[in-house]
Amino acid sequence: MPDTPPAGAARLVTPALIAIGVIAAAFLVFQWITPSSPPAEAVRETPAAAQVGPRERYGLTAAEEASLWPGALANRALSSSSLDLVEAAAAEDPLSAGVLCAARFSGQGAPQDDAAAAQACATAKAQGSTIGAYVLSLLTRAGRGGIPADAVAADALLREAAATDARAQHDLAMSLRAAKPAQARGLAEKCAAQGMTDCTFLVARMQQTGEGGTLDTAAALATYHRLTESEYHPAGTRELARMYLAGDGVPRDVAKGVDLLKRAEVLDDPEASYLLGVQAEKGEGVAKDEALAHYRRAAGLGYAPAQDAVARLSGARP
């Protein structure tokens, strides 16, 4: 006779079976109403670079795009992105095309290649990038990158870029400074307003000399102080030194002037090194036997008056 469970056991088993059935049914209903998800390996992350615009990707503001010199622009952009990504985006994105143009021209972040620069800059210019027109003006003036030298065409490109490009405004101001100082000063003020420190310096120089407008020594002095303390601008520091050495707008202070020249020399300003040589020869604030060393430093940076001074002092020695 087969074993049969006691009556009490049967009463316990029946509710348990019912509970299991309810749980199973609930699980099936949950599976039916919940949409299926793709396997984990099928889900792909969108690259972070593709989720942001080119300006954020390169870490450039609009003002920096229009005012950084080609090498500085390329260095800034390619410190935040790869050359491959820039090249891939350059066909359709004006900023990427401009970065590639600057990189190929300057050799910052990419091999320096005039022919490749000319091609990249033409693409950038066609897309509306002002640095494309600016660099093309430099290549055209010098006859580089397979472009025939043509000063007229270079001027036209420079003027085209100068409508909004601070670099072009600076170069155009420098070219007009002697013949049309008022126009040059206006261009310098225009590009200084875009935050270009070299233009800020040029405005201060023209204020100091009165070129193209009113003489304003106090404004020039204030600008030189700001360029020295906040921007570490070599030429601004050197000109501030000149003002202290000459007593121009400030009490004459040779020690302060020499100290400022030394600060500018550390920033590789060749004229500052030359002026330290001059001070040494005069015996003002610099030891006389240091003159040749300062002249040699300036000469090594290509400063012609210093090269003449080196030849003079070297020839005078036994």
Protein backbone atom coordinates (compact mmCIF):
# COMPACT_ATOMS: atom_id res chain seq x y z
CA MET A 1 0.00 0.00 0.00
CA PRO A 2 1.56 3.34 -1.10
CA ASP A 3 2.54 5.91 1.49
CA THR A 4 0.06 8.79 1.84
CA PRO A 5 0.82 12.04 3.61
CA PRO A 6 -1.05 12.81 6.75
CA ALA A 7 -4.09 14.99 6.38
CA GLY A 8 -2.33 17.94 8.09
CA ALA A 9 0.51 17.85 5.58
CA ALA A 10 -1.89 18.01 2.65
CA ARG A 11 -3.43 21.14 4.10
CA LEU A 12 0.03 22.79 4.19
CA VAL A 13 1.08 21.81 0.65
CA THR A 14 -2.01 23.13 -1.10
CA PRO A 15 -1.56 26.86 -0.09
CA ALA A 16 2.14 26.65 -0.93
CA LEU A 17 1.39 25.45 -4.46
CA ILE A 18 -1.14 28.22 -4.92
CA ALA A 19 1.42 30.84 -3.79
CA ILE A 20 4.04 29.52 -6.21
CA GLY A 21 1.54 29.69 -9.05
CA VAL A 22 0.64 33.30 -8.25
CA ILE A 23 4.33 34.33 -8.21
CA ALA A 24 5.00 32.60 -11.54
CA ALA A 25 2.00 34.27 -13.16
CA ALA A 26 3.08 37.70 -11.90
CA PHE A 27 6.59 37.19 -13.31
CA LEU A 28 5.17 36.27 -16.74
CA VAL A 29 2.93 39.35 -16.76
CA PHE A 30 5.91 41.60 -15.79
CA GLN A 31 8.01 40.16 -18.61
CA TRP A 32 5.16 40.74 -21.07
CA ILE A 33 4.62 44.44 -20.20
CA THR A 34 8.33 45.38 -19.87
CA PRO A 35 9.99 46.36 -23.22
CA SER A 36 13.04 44.33 -24.05
CA SER A 37 16.48 46.01 -23.87
CA PRO A 38 19.27 45.40 -26.34
CA PRO A 39 22.18 43.32 -25.16
CA ALA A 40 24.76 45.29 -23.25
CA GLU A 41 27.34 44.84 -25.98
CA ALA A 42 24.99 46.45 -28.54
CA VAL A 43 24.78 49.75 -26.61
CA ARG A 44 27.50 52.15 -27.74
CA GLU A 45 28.62 55.28 -25.98
CA THR A 46 28.71 58.43 -28.07
CA PRO A 47 32.27 59.82 -27.99
CA ALA A 48 32.49 62.85 -25.73
CA ALA A 49 34.02 64.92 -28.56
CA ALA A 50 30.92 64.31 -30.68
CA GLN A 51 28.63 65.62 -27.94
CA VAL A 52 30.09 69.15 -27.88
CA GLY A 53 30.54 71.85 -30.50
CA PRO A 54 33.93 72.61 -32.04
CA ARG A 55 34.44 75.77 -29.98
CA GLU A 56 33.98 73.86 -26.71
CA ARG A 57 36.04 70.94 -28.05
CA TYR A 58 39.01 73.20 -28.77
CA GLY A 59 38.55 75.42 -25.72
CA LEU A 60 38.44 78.61 -27.83
CA THR A 61 36.28 81.69 -27.41
CA ALA A 62 35.11 83.65 -30.44
CA ALA A 63 37.51 86.47 -29.51
CA GLU A 64 40.44 84.05 -29.28
CA GLU A 65 39.55 82.54 -32.64
CA ALA A 66 39.84 86.00 -34.20
CA SER A 67 42.90 87.23 -32.30
CA LEU A 68 45.37 84.46 -31.41
CA TRP A 69 48.38 84.24 -33.69
CA PRO A 70 48.38 81.06 -35.84
CA GLY A 71 50.86 79.16 -33.67
CA ALA A 72 49.07 80.03 -30.43
CA LEU A 73 45.67 79.18 -31.94
CA ALA A 74 46.86 75.77 -33.15
CA ASN A 75 48.62 75.03 -29.88
CA ARG A 76 45.52 75.89 -27.83
CA ALA A 77 43.12 73.86 -30.00
CA LEU A 78 45.33 70.81 -30.39
CA SER A 79 46.05 70.64 -26.68
CA SER A 80 42.36 69.74 -26.29
CA SER A 81 41.81 67.67 -29.43
CA SER A 82 43.65 65.39 -31.83
CA LEU A 83 44.95 66.28 -35.28
CA ASP A 84 42.96 63.37 -36.74
CA LEU A 85 39.72 64.77 -35.34
CA VAL A 86 40.53 68.26 -36.65
CA GLU A 87 41.30 66.90 -40.12
CA ALA A 88 38.08 64.87 -40.16
CA ALA A 89 35.98 67.91 -39.22
CA ALA A 90 37.78 70.46 -41.42
CA ALA A 91 35.82 69.67 -44.57
CA GLU A 92 32.57 70.93 -43.04
CA ASP A 93 33.43 73.01 -39.96
CA PRO A 94 34.99 76.50 -40.45
CA LEU A 95 36.68 76.57 -37.03
CA SER A 96 38.27 73.14 -37.55
CA ALA A 97 39.42 74.23 -41.01
CA GLY A 98 40.95 77.36 -39.48
CA VAL A 99 42.74 75.34 -36.80
CA LEU A 100 44.17 72.99 -39.44
CA CYS A 101 45.28 76.00 -41.52
CA ALA A 102 47.05 77.50 -38.49
CA ALA A 103 48.65 74.20 -37.51
CA ARG A 104 50.05 73.45 -40.96
CA PHE A 105 51.34 77.01 -41.34
CA SER A 106 52.96 77.31 -37.91
CA GLY A 107 54.06 73.74 -37.32
CA GLN A 108 52.30 73.73 -33.93
CA GLY A 109 50.51 70.42 -33.41
CA ALA A 110 51.19 69.27 -36.98
CA PRO A 111 54.20 69.05 -39.31
CA GLN A 112 54.92 72.45 -40.86
CA ASP A 113 53.99 72.26 -44.54
CA ASP A 114 53.41 75.37 -46.67
CA ALA A 115 51.66 73.47 -49.47
CA ALA A 116 49.32 71.71 -47.04
CA ALA A 117 48.79 75.03 -45.25
CA ALA A 118 47.81 76.75 -48.50
CA GLN A 119 45.26 74.02 -49.21
CA ALA A 120 43.87 73.99 -45.66
CA CYS A 121 43.68 77.79 -45.55
CA ALA A 122 41.88 77.96 -48.89
CA THR A 123 39.30 75.50 -47.51
CA ALA A 124 38.98 77.55 -44.33
CA LYS A 125 38.58 80.81 -46.26
CA ALA A 126 35.88 79.27 -48.48
CA GLN A 127 33.96 78.38 -45.31
CA GLY A 128 34.24 81.90 -43.93
CA SER A 129 37.16 81.45 -41.51
CA THR A 130 39.07 84.74 -41.30
CA ILE A 131 42.32 83.08 -40.29
CA GLY A 132 42.19 81.28 -43.63
CA ALA A 133 42.26 84.60 -45.50
CA TYR A 134 44.87 86.00 -43.10
CA VAL A 135 47.36 83.14 -43.50
CA LEU A 136 46.78 83.06 -47.26
CA SER A 137 47.81 86.73 -47.32
CA LEU A 138 51.09 85.81 -45.59
CA LEU A 139 51.76 82.90 -47.96
CA THR A 140 50.89 85.02 -51.00
CA ARG A 141 53.12 87.91 -49.93
CA ALA A 142 56.06 85.54 -49.40
CA GLY A 143 55.37 83.33 -52.43
CA ARG A 144 55.17 80.18 -50.33
CA GLY A 145 53.14 76.99 -50.57
CA GLY A 146 53.13 76.97 -54.35
CA ILE A 147 51.46 80.40 -54.48
CA PRO A 148 53.22 82.97 -56.70
CA ALA A 149 54.44 86.03 -54.77
CA ASP A 150 51.93 88.83 -55.32
CA ALA A 151 51.88 91.87 -53.03
CA VAL A 152 48.67 93.26 -54.55
CA ALA A 153 46.79 90.00 -54.03
CA ALA A 154 48.24 89.70 -50.53
CA ASP A 155 47.01 93.20 -49.64
CA ALA A 156 43.55 92.33 -50.93
CA LEU A 157 43.43 89.19 -48.77
CA LEU A 158 44.66 91.13 -45.75
CA ARG A 159 42.02 93.83 -46.18
CA GLU A 160 39.33 91.19 -46.65
CA ALA A 161 40.32 89.50 -43.39
CA ALA A 162 40.68 92.83 -41.56
CA ALA A 163 36.92 93.40 -41.62
CA THR A 164 36.70 91.25 -38.47
CA ASP A 165 40.06 89.55 -37.90
CA ALA A 166 42.26 91.15 -35.20
CA ARG A 167 45.45 89.63 -36.62
CA ALA A 168 44.81 91.20 -40.01
CA GLN A 169 43.87 94.51 -38.39
CA HIS A 170 47.17 94.50 -36.50
CA ASP A 171 49.27 93.80 -39.61
CA LEU A 172 47.36 96.34 -41.67
CA ALA A 173 47.82 98.96 -38.94
CA MET A 174 51.57 98.30 -38.89
CA SER A 175 51.78 98.67 -42.67
CA LEU A 176 49.85 101.97 -42.60
CA ARG A 177 51.50 103.43 -39.50
CA ALA A 178 54.08 105.61 -41.28
CA ALA A 179 51.96 106.84 -44.20
CA LYS A 180 48.47 106.92 -42.65
CA PRO A 181 48.88 107.06 -38.86
CA ALA A 182 45.29 108.05 -38.12
CA GLN A 183 43.95 105.07 -40.06
CA ALA A 184 46.55 102.83 -38.42
CA ARG A 185 45.56 104.01 -34.95
CA GLY A 186 41.90 103.36 -35.68
CA LEU A 187 42.70 99.80 -36.77
CA ALA A 188 44.86 99.27 -33.69
CA GLU A 189 42.04 100.44 -31.43
CA LYS A 190 39.61 98.17 -33.28
CA CYS A 191 41.70 95.04 -32.77
CA ALA A 192 42.60 96.01 -29.19
CA ALA A 193 38.87 96.02 -28.47
CA GLN A 194 38.87 92.33 -29.46
CA GLY A 195 41.39 91.60 -26.71
CA MET A 196 44.56 91.27 -28.77
CA THR A 197 47.43 92.33 -26.51
CA ASP A 198 49.77 93.22 -29.38
CA CYS A 199 47.16 95.73 -30.56
CA THR A 200 46.75 97.07 -27.02
CA PHE A 201 50.50 97.63 -27.00
CA LEU A 202 50.41 99.36 -30.39
CA VAL A 203 47.67 101.72 -29.21
CA ALA A 204 49.79 102.60 -26.15
CA ARG A 205 52.84 103.30 -28.32
CA MET A 206 50.82 105.61 -30.55
CA GLN A 207 49.35 107.35 -27.50
CA GLN A 208 52.86 107.81 -26.10
CA THR A 209 54.16 109.36 -29.33
CA GLY A 210 50.95 111.11 -30.39
CA GLU A 211 50.89 109.26 -33.72
CA GLY A 212 47.54 109.39 -35.48
CA GLY A 213 45.77 111.20 -32.65
CA THR A 214 46.19 112.85 -29.29
CA LEU A 215 49.28 112.48 -27.12
CA ASP A 216 48.35 110.65 -23.91
CA THR A 217 51.40 109.69 -21.85
CA ALA A 218 49.32 108.78 -18.80
CA ALA A 219 47.19 106.31 -20.77
CA ALA A 220 50.29 104.76 -22.33
CA LEU A 221 51.94 104.41 -18.92
CA ALA A 222 48.85 102.75 -17.44
CA THR A 223 48.67 100.32 -20.36
CA TYR A 224 52.35 99.40 -20.08
CA HIS A 225 51.89 98.71 -16.37
CA ARG A 226 48.94 96.43 -17.12
CA LEU A 227 50.77 94.62 -19.92
CA THR A 228 53.74 94.12 -17.61
CA GLU A 229 51.92 92.91 -14.51
CA SER A 230 48.95 91.05 -16.00
CA GLU A 231 49.93 89.98 -19.51
CA TYR A 232 53.70 89.47 -19.14
CA HIS A 233 54.07 91.25 -22.48
CA PRO A 234 57.78 91.60 -23.39
CA ALA A 235 57.50 94.78 -25.46
CA GLY A 236 55.14 96.41 -22.96
CA THR A 237 57.60 95.68 -20.16
CA ARG A 238 60.48 97.07 -22.22
CA GLU A 239 58.65 100.30 -23.06
CA LEU A 240 57.70 100.76 -19.42
CA ALA A 241 61.42 100.43 -18.64
CA ARG A 242 62.20 103.11 -21.22
CA MET A 243 59.76 105.50 -19.55
CA TYR A 244 61.44 105.05 -16.16
CA LEU A 245 64.91 105.40 -17.66
CA ALA A 246 63.92 108.59 -19.48
CA GLY A 247 61.64 110.02 -16.79
CA ASP A 248 58.80 110.11 -19.32
CA GLY A 249 55.57 110.59 -17.39
CA VAL A 250 57.21 109.30 -14.19
CA PRO A 251 60.18 110.38 -12.04
CA ARG A 252 63.39 109.03 -13.55
CA ASP A 253 64.37 105.77 -11.85
CA VAL A 254 67.34 103.95 -13.38
CA ALA A 255 67.20 101.01 -10.97
CA LYS A 256 63.52 100.35 -11.74
CA GLY A 257 64.12 100.80 -15.45
CA VAL A 258 66.99 98.29 -15.46
CA ASP A 259 64.94 95.82 -13.41
CA LEU A 260 62.12 96.04 -15.97
CA LEU A 261 64.58 95.56 -18.84
CA LYS A 262 65.85 92.39 -17.17
CA ARG A 263 62.27 91.13 -16.85
CA ALA A 264 61.71 91.77 -20.54
CA GLU A 265 65.00 90.07 -21.39
CA VAL A 266 63.85 86.92 -19.59
CA LEU A 267 60.81 87.01 -21.90
CA ASP A 268 63.23 87.00 -24.89
CA ASP A 269 62.74 90.59 -25.97
CA PRO A 270 65.89 91.32 -28.04
CA GLU A 271 65.59 95.09 -27.76
CA ALA A 272 65.54 94.81 -23.97
CA SER A 273 68.81 92.87 -24.09
CA TYR A 274 70.26 95.51 -26.41
CA LEU A 275 69.20 98.32 -24.07
CA LEU A 276 70.82 96.52 -21.13
CA GLY A 277 74.02 96.50 -23.17
CA VAL A 278 73.64 100.24 -23.73
CA GLN A 279 73.12 100.80 -20.00
CA ALA A 280 76.22 98.72 -19.27
CA GLU A 281 78.34 100.77 -21.65
CA LYS A 282 77.05 103.95 -19.99
CA GLY A 283 77.71 102.49 -16.55
CA GLU A 284 74.11 103.09 -15.45
CA GLY A 285 72.63 100.28 -13.40
CA VAL A 286 74.52 97.50 -15.19
CA ALA A 287 78.17 96.49 -14.80
CA LYS A 288 80.31 97.61 -17.73
CA ASP A 289 81.75 94.15 -18.32
CA GLU A 290 78.23 92.77 -18.95
CA ALA A 291 77.65 94.82 -22.11
CA LEU A 292 78.93 92.23 -24.59
CA ALA A 293 76.90 89.40 -23.02
CA HIS A 294 73.66 91.39 -23.38
CA TYR A 295 74.50 92.40 -26.95
CA ARG A 296 75.27 88.79 -27.85
CA ARG A 297 71.95 87.64 -26.46
CA ALA A 298 70.10 90.25 -28.52
CA ALA A 299 72.19 89.44 -31.61
CA GLY A 300 71.31 85.76 -31.24
CA LEU A 301 67.66 86.74 -31.49
CA GLY A 302 68.34 88.54 -34.77
CA TYR A 303 68.40 92.15 -33.54
CA ALA A 304 70.58 93.99 -36.08
CA PRO A 305 71.80 96.90 -33.86
CA ALA A 306 73.03 94.32 -31.34
CA GLN A 307 74.89 92.44 -34.06
CA ASP A 308 76.67 95.68 -34.95
CA ALA A 309 77.48 96.27 -31.27
CA VAL A 310 78.93 92.76 -30.92
CA ALA A 311 81.16 93.36 -33.95
CA ARG A 312 82.26 96.72 -32.56
CA LEU A 313 83.10 95.45 -29.07
CA SER A 314 84.66 92.21 -30.28
CA GLY A 315 86.87 94.13 -32.71
CA ALA A 316 87.91 96.57 -30.02
CA ARG A 317 89.21 93.80 -27.76
CA PRO A 318 92.85 92.71 -28.03
